[in-house]
């Protein structure tokens, strides 16, 4: 599966210099937020695959004008061709805004998802706007990552966490990919392509029932 990730800055290559068929190679498009709704609508118009998005801290306008032809996956687990994607948008609260949260508020959001996560036997991709604390975040409060995300990764061990919010011009040494335990952390700023072999996705599907049986066995032992 070939996934196009977009975030924070509209790519001129995809918008200003778009050529017919440019998006045909992708199996899925994921937005990490802070993009003009017209941009996502444009991408959705020229692709046959789903365009999934969560909100960035600057996406309050989505309330009145959501991206057309796209699917919001905030606070849910979205399944697509064997991949389970959990969406949690927003940033650390640094001023009034509907897409900003304290770490405690983010913990409450995550807690409210526990049944959906259990029902889906976990998730493979955590799609967020903000990074996790200490994993590619910034020092200022606006770009500080959520400690709640670190705990979430430690508990559920997703294969990938994909985020935005931290721009390339914020640092000279922007790391696109960082390893944290079993999870790859990806900064999707502007445009990034993630390729996941089909056989790897098939293995995830086989492992999910095993994880469920393991949890039942552990519960029975208690």
Protein backbone atom coordinates (compact mmCIF):
# COMPACT_ATOMS: atom_id res chain seq x y z
CA UNK A 1 0.00 0.00 0.00
CA UNK A 2 1.30 3.43 -0.97
CA UNK A 3 0.05 6.23 1.27
CA UNK A 4 0.36 9.95 0.53
CA UNK A 5 0.64 12.02 3.72
CA UNK A 6 0.00 15.77 3.65
CA UNK A 7 0.18 18.31 6.45
CA UNK A 8 0.56 21.97 7.40
CA UNK A 9 1.67 23.36 4.04
CA UNK A 10 -0.03 22.98 0.66
CA UNK A 11 2.40 21.27 -1.70
CA UNK A 12 2.92 23.25 -4.90
CA UNK A 13 3.83 20.01 -6.66
CA UNK A 14 0.38 18.62 -5.89
CA UNK A 15 -1.66 21.81 -6.28
CA UNK A 16 -0.04 24.52 -8.40
CA UNK A 17 1.76 22.10 -10.68
CA UNK A 18 -0.72 19.24 -10.64
CA UNK A 19 -0.77 17.07 -13.77
CA UNK A 20 -3.50 14.54 -14.63
CA UNK A 21 -2.84 11.11 -13.14
CA UNK A 22 -0.37 12.40 -10.55
CA UNK A 23 -2.34 10.81 -7.70
CA UNK A 24 -3.04 7.50 -9.41
CA UNK A 25 -0.12 5.72 -7.73
CA UNK A 26 -1.52 6.20 -4.22
CA UNK A 27 -3.84 3.81 -2.40
CA UNK A 28 -4.77 6.23 0.39
CA UNK A 29 -4.32 9.90 1.31
CA UNK A 30 -3.96 11.03 4.94
CA UNK A 31 -4.02 14.62 6.18
CA UNK A 32 -2.51 15.57 9.54
CA UNK A 33 -4.25 18.95 9.58
CA UNK A 34 -3.65 22.69 9.11
CA UNK A 35 -4.45 22.63 5.41
CA UNK A 36 -6.92 24.73 3.45
CA UNK A 37 -10.19 22.81 2.97
CA UNK A 38 -10.04 23.68 -0.75
CA UNK A 39 -6.70 21.89 -0.99
CA UNK A 40 -8.05 18.63 0.43
CA UNK A 41 -11.17 18.95 -1.72
CA UNK A 42 -8.91 19.39 -4.74
CA UNK A 43 -7.01 16.21 -3.93
CA UNK A 44 -10.25 14.31 -3.37
CA UNK A 45 -11.53 15.44 -6.77
CA UNK A 46 -8.58 13.91 -8.61
CA UNK A 47 -8.29 10.60 -6.79
CA UNK A 48 -10.50 7.55 -6.43
CA UNK A 49 -9.09 6.59 -3.03
CA UNK A 50 -10.24 7.91 0.36
CA UNK A 51 -8.86 11.19 1.66
CA UNK A 52 -8.91 10.95 5.45
CA UNK A 53 -8.24 13.89 7.73
CA UNK A 54 -8.07 15.10 11.30
CA UNK A 55 -8.06 18.72 12.53
CA UNK A 56 -5.03 20.88 13.08
CA UNK A 57 -5.03 23.75 15.56
CA UNK A 58 -5.71 26.18 12.70
CA UNK A 59 -8.64 24.22 11.25
CA UNK A 60 -11.51 25.87 13.13
CA UNK A 61 -12.85 26.89 9.70
CA UNK A 62 -13.66 23.23 9.02
CA UNK A 63 -16.69 23.64 11.28
CA UNK A 64 -18.34 25.87 8.68
CA UNK A 65 -16.53 24.66 5.58
CA UNK A 66 -15.29 21.06 5.82
CA UNK A 67 -13.22 19.60 2.98
CA UNK A 68 -15.63 18.21 0.38
CA UNK A 69 -15.28 14.59 -0.69
CA UNK A 70 -13.09 13.79 2.33
CA UNK A 71 -13.69 11.80 5.51
CA UNK A 72 -12.99 13.08 9.01
CA UNK A 73 -11.72 10.32 11.31
CA UNK A 74 -11.52 12.27 14.56
CA UNK A 75 -12.06 10.09 17.65
CA UNK A 76 -12.69 6.89 15.74
CA UNK A 77 -10.94 3.87 14.25
CA UNK A 78 -11.23 3.77 10.47
CA UNK A 79 -10.59 0.49 8.67
CA UNK A 80 -9.28 0.44 5.12
CA UNK A 81 -7.94 -2.60 3.27
CA UNK A 82 -6.71 -4.28 6.43
CA UNK A 83 -5.30 -1.16 8.09
CA UNK A 84 -6.83 0.31 11.24
CA UNK A 85 -6.30 4.07 11.57
CA UNK A 86 -7.13 6.02 14.73
CA UNK A 87 -7.52 9.80 14.42
CA UNK A 88 -6.81 12.37 17.15
CA UNK A 89 -6.40 15.94 15.93
CA UNK A 90 -5.57 19.18 17.67
CA UNK A 91 -2.59 20.66 19.46
CA UNK A 92 -1.57 21.60 22.97
CA UNK A 93 -3.72 24.47 24.23
CA UNK A 94 -1.85 27.79 24.01
CA UNK A 95 -4.74 30.17 23.25
CA UNK A 96 -8.54 29.90 22.77
CA UNK A 97 -9.48 27.48 20.00
CA UNK A 98 -11.78 24.52 19.47
CA UNK A 99 -8.94 22.26 18.30
CA UNK A 100 -6.62 22.81 21.24
CA UNK A 101 -6.40 20.67 24.37
CA UNK A 102 -4.59 20.31 27.64
CA UNK A 103 -2.85 17.00 28.18
CA UNK A 104 -5.61 16.05 30.64
CA UNK A 105 -8.27 16.78 28.03
CA UNK A 106 -6.42 14.64 25.50
CA UNK A 107 -6.22 11.80 28.04
CA UNK A 108 -10.01 12.01 28.42
CA UNK A 109 -10.45 11.80 24.64
CA UNK A 110 -8.24 8.73 24.51
CA UNK A 111 -10.07 7.14 27.45
CA UNK A 112 -13.41 7.59 25.66
CA UNK A 113 -12.02 5.56 22.73
CA UNK A 114 -11.07 2.49 24.76
CA UNK A 115 -14.11 0.45 23.67
CA UNK A 116 -13.65 1.29 19.99
CA UNK A 117 -9.99 0.34 20.23
CA UNK A 118 -10.89 -2.92 21.97
CA UNK A 119 -13.60 -3.72 19.42
CA UNK A 120 -11.13 -3.19 16.59
CA UNK A 121 -8.42 -5.17 18.39
CA UNK A 122 -6.13 -2.16 18.52
CA UNK A 123 -4.98 0.04 15.67
CA UNK A 124 -2.06 0.10 13.24
CA UNK A 125 -1.70 3.83 12.56
CA UNK A 126 -2.17 6.69 15.01
CA UNK A 127 -2.94 9.79 12.93
CA UNK A 128 -2.51 13.04 14.86
CA UNK A 129 -1.73 16.70 14.28
CA UNK A 130 0.51 17.20 17.29
CA UNK A 131 3.53 15.00 17.99
CA UNK A 132 4.05 13.02 21.17
CA UNK A 133 6.01 14.57 24.00
CA UNK A 134 9.75 14.23 23.43
CA UNK A 135 9.33 12.58 20.04
CA UNK A 136 9.92 15.33 17.49
CA UNK A 137 8.01 18.06 19.29
CA UNK A 138 9.05 21.68 19.97
CA UNK A 139 10.15 23.44 23.12
CA UNK A 140 7.46 26.14 23.03
CA UNK A 141 4.03 25.36 24.49
CA UNK A 142 2.29 25.68 21.11
CA UNK A 143 4.39 22.88 19.61
CA UNK A 144 4.95 20.78 22.72
CA UNK A 145 3.77 17.21 22.24
CA UNK A 146 1.22 15.31 24.30
CA UNK A 147 2.45 13.02 27.05
CA UNK A 148 -0.90 11.26 26.59
CA UNK A 149 0.28 10.10 23.16
CA UNK A 150 3.41 8.54 24.64
CA UNK A 151 1.31 6.54 27.08
CA UNK A 152 -1.00 5.54 24.25
CA UNK A 153 1.90 4.23 22.15
CA UNK A 154 3.33 2.38 25.16
CA UNK A 155 -0.02 0.70 25.73
CA UNK A 156 -1.15 -0.19 22.20
CA UNK A 157 2.12 -0.37 20.22
CA UNK A 158 0.83 0.87 16.84
CA UNK A 159 3.07 0.27 13.83
CA UNK A 160 3.09 3.95 12.94
CA UNK A 161 2.33 7.33 14.46
CA UNK A 162 1.90 10.01 11.78
CA UNK A 163 1.75 13.66 12.81
CA UNK A 164 2.32 17.19 11.53
CA UNK A 165 2.44 20.56 13.35
CA UNK A 166 6.26 20.80 13.46
CA UNK A 167 7.36 22.53 10.25
CA UNK A 168 10.64 22.00 8.42
CA UNK A 169 11.60 25.66 8.93
CA UNK A 170 11.28 25.34 12.71
CA UNK A 171 14.54 23.41 12.92
CA UNK A 172 17.59 22.73 10.80
CA UNK A 173 17.52 19.05 11.62
CA UNK A 174 13.93 17.97 11.07
CA UNK A 175 13.75 14.20 11.43
CA UNK A 176 11.12 12.70 9.16
CA UNK A 177 11.20 9.27 10.78
CA UNK A 178 12.00 8.37 14.38
CA UNK A 179 11.87 4.94 15.98
CA UNK A 180 10.19 4.56 19.35
CA UNK A 181 9.96 0.95 20.48
CA UNK A 182 7.90 -0.95 17.91
CA UNK A 183 6.47 2.28 16.48
CA UNK A 184 7.79 4.43 13.65
CA UNK A 185 7.07 8.13 14.25
CA UNK A 186 6.61 10.05 10.97
CA UNK A 187 6.47 13.82 10.53
CA UNK A 188 4.21 14.31 7.50
CA UNK A 189 5.02 18.01 6.96
CA UNK A 190 3.89 19.18 3.50
CA UNK A 191 4.22 15.85 1.67
CA UNK A 192 5.53 12.42 2.60
CA UNK A 193 5.04 8.99 1.02
CA UNK A 194 4.74 5.87 3.15
CA UNK A 195 4.90 2.46 1.49
CA UNK A 196 3.72 -0.58 3.44
CA UNK A 197 4.22 -4.00 1.79
CA UNK A 198 0.98 -5.94 1.32
CA UNK A 199 2.48 -8.96 3.07
CA UNK A 200 3.15 -6.80 6.15
CA UNK A 201 -0.49 -5.69 6.27
CA UNK A 202 -1.58 -9.33 5.92
CA UNK A 203 0.62 -10.19 8.88
CA UNK A 204 -1.02 -7.46 10.97
CA UNK A 205 -4.43 -9.01 10.26
CA UNK A 206 -3.18 -12.41 11.35
CA UNK A 207 -1.64 -11.03 14.53
CA UNK A 208 -4.78 -9.16 15.64
CA UNK A 209 -6.80 -12.29 16.62
CA UNK A 210 -3.74 -13.63 18.45
CA UNK A 211 -3.51 -10.45 20.48
CA UNK A 212 -7.19 -10.77 21.34
CA UNK A 213 -6.77 -14.39 22.52
CA UNK A 214 -3.73 -13.34 24.56
CA UNK A 215 -5.75 -10.66 26.34
CA UNK A 216 -8.56 -13.15 27.10
CA UNK A 217 -6.06 -15.68 28.46
CA UNK A 218 -4.48 -13.01 30.64
CA UNK A 219 -7.91 -11.89 31.93
CA UNK A 220 -8.89 -15.48 32.77
CA UNK A 221 -5.65 -15.92 34.71
CA UNK A 222 -6.52 -12.95 36.87
